[in-house]
All heavy atoms as atom14 arrays in JSON, in Angstrom:
{
  "sequence": "VAALAVTRFVYPGDSLVAGRYSSVAELTLFAATLPCWLVVA",
  "atom14_mask": [
    [1, 1, 1, 1, 1, 1, 1, 0, 0, 0, 0, 0, 0, 0],
    [1, 1, 1, 1, 1, 0, 0, 0, 0, 0, 0, 0, 0, 0],
    [1, 1, 1, 1, 1, 0, 0, 0, 0, 0, 0, 0, 0, 0],
    [1, 1, 1, 1, 1, 1, 1, 1, 0, 0, 0, 0, 0, 0],
    [1, 1, 1, 1, 1, 0, 0, 0, 0, 0, 0, 0, 0, 0],
    [1, 1, 1, 1, 1, 1, 1, 0, 0, 0, 0, 0, 0, 0],
    [1, 1, 1, 1, 1, 1, 1, 0, 0, 0, 0, 0, 0, 0],
    [1, 1, 1, 1, 1, 1, 1, 1, 1, 1, 1, 0, 0, 0],
    [1, 1, 1, 1, 1, 1, 1, 1, 1, 1, 1, 0, 0, 0],
    [1, 1, 1, 1, 1, 1, 1, 0, 0, 0, 0, 0, 0, 0],
    [1, 1, 1, 1, 1, 1, 1, 1, 1, 1, 1, 1, 0, 0],
    [1, 1, 1, 1, 1, 1, 1, 0, 0, 0, 0, 0, 0, 0],
    [1, 1, 1, 1, 0, 0, 0, 0, 0, 0, 0, 0, 0, 0],
    [1, 1, 1, 1, 1, 1, 1, 1, 0, 0, 0, 0, 0, 0],
    [1, 1, 1, 1, 1, 1, 0, 0, 0, 0, 0, 0, 0, 0],
    [1, 1, 1, 1, 1, 1, 1, 1, 0, 0, 0, 0, 0, 0],
    [1, 1, 1, 1, 1, 1, 1, 0, 0, 0, 0, 0, 0, 0],
    [1, 1, 1, 1, 1, 0, 0, 0, 0, 0, 0, 0, 0, 0],
    [1, 1, 1, 1, 0, 0, 0, 0, 0, 0, 0, 0, 0, 0],
    [1, 1, 1, 1, 1, 1, 1, 1, 1, 1, 1, 0, 0, 0],
    [1, 1, 1, 1, 1, 1, 1, 1, 1, 1, 1, 1, 0, 0],
    [1, 1, 1, 1, 1, 1, 0, 0, 0, 0, 0, 0, 0, 0],
    [1, 1, 1, 1, 1, 1, 0, 0, 0, 0, 0, 0, 0, 0],
    [1, 1, 1, 1, 1, 1, 1, 0, 0, 0, 0, 0, 0, 0],
    [1, 1, 1, 1, 1, 0, 0, 0, 0, 0, 0, 0, 0, 0],
    [1, 1, 1, 1, 1, 1, 1, 1, 1, 0, 0, 0, 0, 0],
    [1, 1, 1, 1, 1, 1, 1, 1, 0, 0, 0, 0, 0, 0],
    [1, 1, 1, 1, 1, 1, 1, 0, 0, 0, 0, 0, 0, 0],
    [1, 1, 1, 1, 1, 1, 1, 1, 0, 0, 0, 0, 0, 0],
    [1, 1, 1, 1, 1, 1, 1, 1, 1, 1, 1, 0, 0, 0],
    [1, 1, 1, 1, 1, 0, 0, 0, 0, 0, 0, 0, 0, 0],
    [1, 1, 1, 1, 1, 0, 0, 0, 0, 0, 0, 0, 0, 0],
    [1, 1, 1, 1, 1, 1, 1, 0, 0, 0, 0, 0, 0, 0],
    [1, 1, 1, 1, 1, 1, 1, 1, 0, 0, 0, 0, 0, 0],
    [1, 1, 1, 1, 1, 1, 1, 0, 0, 0, 0, 0, 0, 0],
    [1, 1, 1, 1, 1, 1, 0, 0, 0, 0, 0, 0, 0, 0],
    [1, 1, 1, 1, 1, 1, 1, 1, 1, 1, 1, 1, 1, 1],
    [1, 1, 1, 1, 1, 1, 1, 1, 0, 0, 0, 0, 0, 0],
    [1, 1, 1, 1, 1, 1, 1, 0, 0, 0, 0, 0, 0, 0],
    [1, 1, 1, 1, 1, 1, 1, 0, 0, 0, 0, 0, 0, 0],
    [1, 1, 1, 1, 1, 0, 0, 0, 0, 0, 0, 0, 0, 0]
  ],
  "atom14_positions": [
    [[0.84, -1.21, 0.0], [0.0, 0.0, 0.0], [0.87, 1.25, 0.0], [0.6, 2.23, -0.71], [-0.95, -0.01, 1.21], [-1.66, 1.33, 1.35], [-1.97, -1.13, 1.08], [0.0, 0.0, 0.0], [0.0, 0.0, 0.0], [0.0, 0.0, 0.0], [0.0, 0.0, 0.0], [0.0, 0.0, 0.0], [0.0, 0.0, 0.0], [0.0, 0.0, 0.0]],
    [[1.96, 1.22, 0.81], [2.88, 2.37, 0.84], [3.54, 2.58, -0.51], [3.72, 3.72, -0.96], [3.94, 2.15, 1.92], [0.0, 0.0, 0.0], [0.0, 0.0, 0.0], [0.0, 0.0, 0.0], [0.0, 0.0, 0.0], [0.0, 0.0, 0.0], [0.0, 0.0, 0.0], [0.0, 0.0, 0.0], [0.0, 0.0, 0.0], [0.0, 0.0, 0.0]],
    [[3.87, 1.48, -1.21], [4.47, 1.6, -2.54], [3.5, 2.24, -3.53], [3.9, 3.06, -4.36], [4.9, 0.22, -3.03], [0.0, 0.0, 0.0], [0.0, 0.0, 0.0], [0.0, 0.0, 0.0], [0.0, 0.0, 0.0], [0.0, 0.0, 0.0], [0.0, 0.0, 0.0], [0.0, 0.0, 0.0], [0.0, 0.0, 0.0], [0.0, 0.0, 0.0]],
    [[2.23, 1.87, -3.42], [1.22, 2.48, -4.3], [1.09, 3.97, -4.01], [0.99, 4.79, -4.93], [-0.13, 1.78, -4.11], [-1.29, 2.31, -4.95], [-1.0, 2.12, -6.44], [-2.6, 1.64, -4.56], [0.0, 0.0, 0.0], [0.0, 0.0, 0.0], [0.0, 0.0, 0.0], [0.0, 0.0, 0.0], [0.0, 0.0, 0.0], [0.0, 0.0, 0.0]],
    [[1.13, 4.32, -2.7], [1.02, 5.73, -2.32], [2.22, 6.53, -2.84], [2.07, 7.66, -3.32], [0.92, 5.85, -0.8], [0.0, 0.0, 0.0], [0.0, 0.0, 0.0], [0.0, 0.0, 0.0], [0.0, 0.0, 0.0], [0.0, 0.0, 0.0], [0.0, 0.0, 0.0], [0.0, 0.0, 0.0], [0.0, 0.0, 0.0], [0.0, 0.0, 0.0]],
    [[3.42, 5.94, -2.76], [4.61, 6.62, -3.26], [4.5, 6.82, -4.77], [4.85, 7.88, -5.31], [5.88, 5.81, -2.9], [7.1, 6.34, -3.65], [6.12, 5.84, -1.4], [0.0, 0.0, 0.0], [0.0, 0.0, 0.0], [0.0, 0.0, 0.0], [0.0, 0.0, 0.0], [0.0, 0.0, 0.0], [0.0, 0.0, 0.0], [0.0, 0.0, 0.0]],
    [[4.01, 5.8, -5.47], [3.86, 5.91, -6.92], [2.88, 7.02, -7.28], [3.11, 7.8, -8.22], [3.37, 4.57, -7.5], [4.27, 3.53, -7.1], [3.33, 4.62, -9.02], [0.0, 0.0, 0.0], [0.0, 0.0, 0.0], [0.0, 0.0, 0.0], [0.0, 0.0, 0.0], [0.0, 0.0, 0.0], [0.0, 0.0, 0.0], [0.0, 0.0, 0.0]],
    [[1.79, 7.1, -6.53], [0.81, 8.16, -6.79], [1.4, 9.54, -6.49], [1.06, 10.54, -7.13], [-0.45, 7.92, -5.93], [-1.24, 6.67, -6.27], [-1.9, 6.77, -7.64], [-2.85, 7.86, -7.7], [-4.14, 7.75, -7.41], [-4.64, 6.57, -7.05], [-4.95, 8.78, -7.49], [0.0, 0.0, 0.0], [0.0, 0.0, 0.0], [0.0, 0.0, 0.0]],
    [[2.3, 9.58, -5.49], [2.94, 10.86, -5.14], [3.93, 11.28, -6.23], [4.02, 12.46, -6.58], [3.66, 10.72, -3.8], [4.4, 11.97, -3.38], [3.71, 13.04, -2.82], [5.77, 12.07, -3.55], [4.39, 14.19, -2.44], [6.45, 13.22, -3.17], [5.75, 14.29, -2.62], [0.0, 0.0, 0.0], [0.0, 0.0, 0.0], [0.0, 0.0, 0.0]],
    [[4.68, 10.3, -6.77], [5.64, 10.6, -7.83], [4.94, 11.03, -9.1], [5.42, 11.88, -9.85], [6.54, 9.37, -8.08], [7.45, 9.61, -9.3], [7.39, 9.07, -6.85], [0.0, 0.0, 0.0], [0.0, 0.0, 0.0], [0.0, 0.0, 0.0], [0.0, 0.0, 0.0], [0.0, 0.0, 0.0], [0.0, 0.0, 0.0], [0.0, 0.0, 0.0]],
    [[3.78, 10.43, -9.35], [2.98, 10.78, -10.53], [1.64, 11.38, -10.07], [0.6, 10.71, -10.13], [2.72, 9.54, -11.39], [3.96, 8.95, -11.99], [4.66, 7.93, -11.36], [4.45, 9.42, -13.21], [5.81, 7.39, -11.91], [5.6, 8.87, -13.77], [6.28, 7.88, -13.12], [7.41, 7.35, -13.68], [0.0, 0.0, 0.0], [0.0, 0.0, 0.0]],
    [[1.66, 12.61, -9.56], [0.43, 13.21, -9.02], [-0.64, 13.37, -10.1], [-0.35, 13.69, -11.24], [0.9, 14.57, -8.5], [2.14, 14.87, -9.26], [2.79, 13.55, -9.53], [0.0, 0.0, 0.0], [0.0, 0.0, 0.0], [0.0, 0.0, 0.0], [0.0, 0.0, 0.0], [0.0, 0.0, 0.0], [0.0, 0.0, 0.0], [0.0, 0.0, 0.0]],
    [[-1.88, 13.12, -9.68], [-3.0, 13.27, -10.59], [-3.11, 12.17, -11.61], [-3.98, 12.2, -12.49], [0.0, 0.0, 0.0], [0.0, 0.0, 0.0], [0.0, 0.0, 0.0], [0.0, 0.0, 0.0], [0.0, 0.0, 0.0], [0.0, 0.0, 0.0], [0.0, 0.0, 0.0], [0.0, 0.0, 0.0], [0.0, 0.0, 0.0], [0.0, 0.0, 0.0]],
    [[-2.23, 11.17, -11.51], [-2.23, 10.07, -12.47], [-2.3, 8.77, -11.69], [-1.63, 8.6, -10.67], [-0.93, 10.09, -13.28], [-1.22, 10.0, -14.76], [-2.37, 9.74, -15.1], [-0.28, 10.2, -15.54], [0.0, 0.0, 0.0], [0.0, 0.0, 0.0], [0.0, 0.0, 0.0], [0.0, 0.0, 0.0], [0.0, 0.0, 0.0], [0.0, 0.0, 0.0]],
    [[-3.07, 7.83, -12.13], [-3.18, 6.56, -11.44], [-2.21, 5.56, -12.07], [-1.72, 5.74, -13.17], [-4.61, 6.02, -11.51], [-4.99, 5.82, -12.86], [0.0, 0.0, 0.0], [0.0, 0.0, 0.0], [0.0, 0.0, 0.0], [0.0, 0.0, 0.0], [0.0, 0.0, 0.0], [0.0, 0.0, 0.0], [0.0, 0.0, 0.0], [0.0, 0.0, 0.0]],
    [[-1.96, 4.48, -11.31], [-1.08, 3.42, -11.81], [-1.71, 2.76, -13.04], [-1.04, 2.46, -14.01], [-0.85, 2.38, -10.71], [0.03, 1.17, -11.05], [1.43, 1.61, -11.4], [0.04, 0.16, -9.92], [0.0, 0.0, 0.0], [0.0, 0.0, 0.0], [0.0, 0.0, 0.0], [0.0, 0.0, 0.0], [0.0, 0.0, 0.0], [0.0, 0.0, 0.0]],
    [[-3.02, 2.56, -12.97], [-3.76, 2.0, -14.1], [-4.27, 3.15, -14.94], [-5.07, 3.96, -14.5], [-4.92, 1.13, -13.6], [-5.68, 0.55, -14.79], [-4.42, 0.0, -12.71], [0.0, 0.0, 0.0], [0.0, 0.0, 0.0], [0.0, 0.0, 0.0], [0.0, 0.0, 0.0], [0.0, 0.0, 0.0], [0.0, 0.0, 0.0], [0.0, 0.0, 0.0]],
    [[-3.78, 3.27, -16.15], [-4.02, 4.46, -16.97], [-5.44, 4.49, -17.53], [-5.96, 3.49, -18.02], [-3.02, 4.52, -18.11], [0.0, 0.0, 0.0], [0.0, 0.0, 0.0], [0.0, 0.0, 0.0], [0.0, 0.0, 0.0], [0.0, 0.0, 0.0], [0.0, 0.0, 0.0], [0.0, 0.0, 0.0], [0.0, 0.0, 0.0], [0.0, 0.0, 0.0]],
    [[-6.05, 5.66, -17.41], [-7.22, 6.0, -18.19], [-8.55, 5.42, -17.8], [-9.54, 6.12, -17.81], [0.0, 0.0, 0.0], [0.0, 0.0, 0.0], [0.0, 0.0, 0.0], [0.0, 0.0, 0.0], [0.0, 0.0, 0.0], [0.0, 0.0, 0.0], [0.0, 0.0, 0.0], [0.0, 0.0, 0.0], [0.0, 0.0, 0.0], [0.0, 0.0, 0.0]],
    [[-8.62, 4.16, -17.44], [-9.9, 3.5, -17.39], [-10.6, 3.61, -16.04], [-11.82, 3.6, -15.96], [-9.69, 2.03, -17.76], [-10.95, 1.18, -17.65], [-10.72, -0.2, -18.22], [-11.06, -0.22, -19.63], [-10.98, -1.3, -20.4], [-10.51, -2.42, -19.89], [-11.33, -1.27, -21.66], [0.0, 0.0, 0.0], [0.0, 0.0, 0.0], [0.0, 0.0, 0.0]],
    [[-9.83, 3.66, -14.94], [-10.44, 3.57, -13.62], [-10.25, 4.86, -12.83], [-9.24, 5.54, -12.95], [-9.83, 2.4, -12.83], [-10.05, 1.06, -13.48], [-9.04, 0.48, -14.24], [-11.25, 0.39, -13.33], [-9.22, -0.76, -14.85], [-11.45, -0.84, -13.93], [-10.44, -1.42, -14.68], [-10.63, -2.63, -15.27], [0.0, 0.0, 0.0], [0.0, 0.0, 0.0]],
    [[-11.22, 5.14, -11.95], [-11.08, 6.24, -11.01], [-10.15, 5.8, -9.88], [-9.78, 4.63, -9.78], [-12.45, 6.61, -10.42], [-12.94, 5.53, -9.63], [0.0, 0.0, 0.0], [0.0, 0.0, 0.0], [0.0, 0.0, 0.0], [0.0, 0.0, 0.0], [0.0, 0.0, 0.0], [0.0, 0.0, 0.0], [0.0, 0.0, 0.0], [0.0, 0.0, 0.0]],
    [[-9.78, 6.76, -9.02], [-8.88, 6.43, -7.92], [-9.49, 5.4, -7.0], [-8.81, 4.47, -6.54], [-8.54, 7.7, -7.13], [-7.81, 8.61, -7.92], [0.0, 0.0, 0.0], [0.0, 0.0, 0.0], [0.0, 0.0, 0.0], [0.0, 0.0, 0.0], [0.0, 0.0, 0.0], [0.0, 0.0, 0.0], [0.0, 0.0, 0.0], [0.0, 0.0, 0.0]],
    [[-10.77, 5.53, -6.71], [-11.45, 4.58, -5.82], [-11.47, 3.18, -6.45], [-11.18, 2.17, -5.8], [-12.88, 5.06, -5.51], [-13.63, 3.99, -4.7], [-12.85, 6.37, -4.76], [0.0, 0.0, 0.0], [0.0, 0.0, 0.0], [0.0, 0.0, 0.0], [0.0, 0.0, 0.0], [0.0, 0.0, 0.0], [0.0, 0.0, 0.0], [0.0, 0.0, 0.0]],
    [[-11.77, 3.13, -7.73], [-11.81, 1.85, -8.43], [-10.42, 1.21, -8.48], [-10.26, -0.01, -8.35], [-12.37, 2.03, -9.83], [0.0, 0.0, 0.0], [0.0, 0.0, 0.0], [0.0, 0.0, 0.0], [0.0, 0.0, 0.0], [0.0, 0.0, 0.0], [0.0, 0.0, 0.0], [0.0, 0.0, 0.0], [0.0, 0.0, 0.0], [0.0, 0.0, 0.0]],
    [[-9.4, 2.07, -8.66], [-8.04, 1.54, -8.7], [-7.65, 0.94, -7.36], [-7.06, -0.14, -7.3], [-7.06, 2.65, -9.08], [-5.61, 2.17, -9.16], [-4.6, 3.3, -9.25], [-4.85, 4.35, -8.64], [-3.6, 3.12, -9.91], [0.0, 0.0, 0.0], [0.0, 0.0, 0.0], [0.0, 0.0, 0.0], [0.0, 0.0, 0.0], [0.0, 0.0, 0.0]],
    [[-7.97, 1.65, -6.28], [-7.66, 1.14, -4.94], [-8.4, -0.17, -4.66], [-7.85, -1.08, -4.05], [-8.01, 2.19, -3.89], [-7.12, 3.44, -3.88], [-7.65, 4.47, -2.88], [-5.67, 3.08, -3.55], [0.0, 0.0, 0.0], [0.0, 0.0, 0.0], [0.0, 0.0, 0.0], [0.0, 0.0, 0.0], [0.0, 0.0, 0.0], [0.0, 0.0, 0.0]],
    [[-9.65, -0.24, -5.11], [-10.44, -1.46, -4.92], [-9.81, -2.62, -5.69], [-9.68, -3.74, -5.17], [-11.89, -1.24, -5.38], [-12.45, -0.14, -4.67], [-12.73, -2.49, -5.14], [0.0, 0.0, 0.0], [0.0, 0.0, 0.0], [0.0, 0.0, 0.0], [0.0, 0.0, 0.0], [0.0, 0.0, 0.0], [0.0, 0.0, 0.0], [0.0, 0.0, 0.0]],
    [[-9.4, -2.34, -6.92], [-8.76, -3.35, -7.74], [-7.43, -3.79, -7.12], [-7.1, -4.99, -7.09], [-8.53, -2.8, -9.15], [-7.93, -3.78, -10.18], [-8.88, -4.93, -10.42], [-7.62, -3.04, -11.48], [0.0, 0.0, 0.0], [0.0, 0.0, 0.0], [0.0, 0.0, 0.0], [0.0, 0.0, 0.0], [0.0, 0.0, 0.0], [0.0, 0.0, 0.0]],
    [[-6.68, -2.84, -6.59], [-5.39, -3.16, -5.95], [-5.61, -4.01, -4.71], [-4.89, -4.99, -4.48], [-4.66, -1.86, -5.59], [-3.34, -2.09, -4.93], [-2.22, -2.48, -5.67], [-3.2, -1.95, -3.56], [-1.0, -2.69, -5.05], [-1.98, -2.17, -2.93], [-0.88, -2.54, -3.68], [0.0, 0.0, 0.0], [0.0, 0.0, 0.0], [0.0, 0.0, 0.0]],
    [[-6.62, -3.65, -3.89], [-6.91, -4.42, -2.69], [-7.29, -5.86, -3.03], [-6.95, -6.81, -2.31], [-8.02, -3.75, -1.89], [0.0, 0.0, 0.0], [0.0, 0.0, 0.0], [0.0, 0.0, 0.0], [0.0, 0.0, 0.0], [0.0, 0.0, 0.0], [0.0, 0.0, 0.0], [0.0, 0.0, 0.0], [0.0, 0.0, 0.0], [0.0, 0.0, 0.0]],
    [[-7.97, -6.03, -4.16], [-8.39, -7.37, -4.57], [-7.2, -8.24, -4.96], [-7.27, -9.48, -4.9], [-9.37, -7.27, -5.73], [0.0, 0.0, 0.0], [0.0, 0.0, 0.0], [0.0, 0.0, 0.0], [0.0, 0.0, 0.0], [0.0, 0.0, 0.0], [0.0, 0.0, 0.0], [0.0, 0.0, 0.0], [0.0, 0.0, 0.0], [0.0, 0.0, 0.0]],
    [[-6.11, -7.61, -5.37], [-4.93, -8.39, -5.77], [-4.01, -8.74, -4.59], [-3.09, -9.55, -4.76], [-4.08, -7.62, -6.81], [-3.51, -6.44, -6.2], [-4.93, -7.23, -8.02], [0.0, 0.0, 0.0], [0.0, 0.0, 0.0], [0.0, 0.0, 0.0], [0.0, 0.0, 0.0], [0.0, 0.0, 0.0], [0.0, 0.0, 0.0], [0.0, 0.0, 0.0]],
    [[-4.24, -8.16, -3.41], [-3.35, -8.39, -2.26], [-3.22, -9.88, -1.91], [-2.11, -10.34, -1.63], [-3.82, -7.59, -1.05], [-3.51, -6.08, -1.08], [-4.06, -5.39, 0.16], [-2.0, -5.85, -1.19], [0.0, 0.0, 0.0], [0.0, 0.0, 0.0], [0.0, 0.0, 0.0], [0.0, 0.0, 0.0], [0.0, 0.0, 0.0], [0.0, 0.0, 0.0]],
    [[-4.32, -10.64, -1.89], [-4.15, -12.07, -1.59], [-3.2, -12.78, -2.56], [-2.46, -13.69, -2.16], [-5.58, -12.63, -1.7], [-6.46, -11.46, -1.42], [-5.74, -10.29, -2.0], [0.0, 0.0, 0.0], [0.0, 0.0, 0.0], [0.0, 0.0, 0.0], [0.0, 0.0, 0.0], [0.0, 0.0, 0.0], [0.0, 0.0, 0.0], [0.0, 0.0, 0.0]],
    [[-3.21, -12.36, -3.81], [-2.3, -12.97, -4.8], [-0.84, -12.66, -4.45], [0.03, -13.53, -4.57], [-2.63, -12.46, -6.2], [-4.3, -12.88, -6.75], [0.0, 0.0, 0.0], [0.0, 0.0, 0.0], [0.0, 0.0, 0.0], [0.0, 0.0, 0.0], [0.0, 0.0, 0.0], [0.0, 0.0, 0.0], [0.0, 0.0, 0.0], [0.0, 0.0, 0.0]],
    [[-0.58, -11.43, -4.03], [0.77, -11.06, -3.61], [1.21, -11.93, -2.43], [2.37, -12.39, -2.37], [0.83, -9.59, -3.21], [0.76, -8.63, -4.35], [-0.36, -8.01, -4.84], [1.85, -8.15, -5.15], [-0.04, -7.19, -5.89], [1.31, -7.25, -6.1], [3.22, -8.39, -5.15], [2.09, -6.6, -7.05], [4.01, -7.74, -6.09], [3.44, -6.86, -7.02]],
    [[0.31, -12.15, -1.48], [0.65, -12.94, -0.29], [0.92, -14.4, -0.65], [1.78, -15.04, -0.05], [-0.47, -12.84, 0.75], [-0.77, -11.42, 1.27], [-1.9, -11.46, 2.28], [0.48, -10.79, 1.87], [0.0, 0.0, 0.0], [0.0, 0.0, 0.0], [0.0, 0.0, 0.0], [0.0, 0.0, 0.0], [0.0, 0.0, 0.0], [0.0, 0.0, 0.0]],
    [[0.17, -14.92, -1.63], [0.42, -16.29, -2.09], [1.81, -16.4, -2.69], [2.56, -17.36, -2.42], [-0.66, -16.72, -3.1], [-0.26, -18.02, -3.78], [-2.01, -16.88, -2.42], [0.0, 0.0, 0.0], [0.0, 0.0, 0.0], [0.0, 0.0, 0.0], [0.0, 0.0, 0.0], [0.0, 0.0, 0.0], [0.0, 0.0, 0.0], [0.0, 0.0, 0.0]],
    [[2.19, -15.42, -3.52], [3.53, -15.42, -4.12], [4.6, -15.34, -3.02], [5.62, -16.05, -3.07], [3.68, -14.26, -5.13], [5.12, -14.2, -5.65], [2.71, -14.43, -6.28], [0.0, 0.0, 0.0], [0.0, 0.0, 0.0], [0.0, 0.0, 0.0], [0.0, 0.0, 0.0], [0.0, 0.0, 0.0], [0.0, 0.0, 0.0], [0.0, 0.0, 0.0]],
    [[4.37, -14.49, -2.02], [5.33, -14.37, -0.91], [5.48, -15.69, -0.18], [6.58, -16.08, 0.2], [4.87, -13.27, 0.05], [0.0, 0.0, 0.0], [0.0, 0.0, 0.0], [0.0, 0.0, 0.0], [0.0, 0.0, 0.0], [0.0, 0.0, 0.0], [0.0, 0.0, 0.0], [0.0, 0.0, 0.0], [0.0, 0.0, 0.0], [0.0, 0.0, 0.0]]
  ]
}
């Protein structure tokens, strides 16, 4: 989550996922992928 926040700070006004999603939708999509990250870990 901190890495996502840093990325948003480095690229202000721009989301990691370009064009298609709002900030809320992007955060929701990112939260949905967290279990996958934990499985890889």
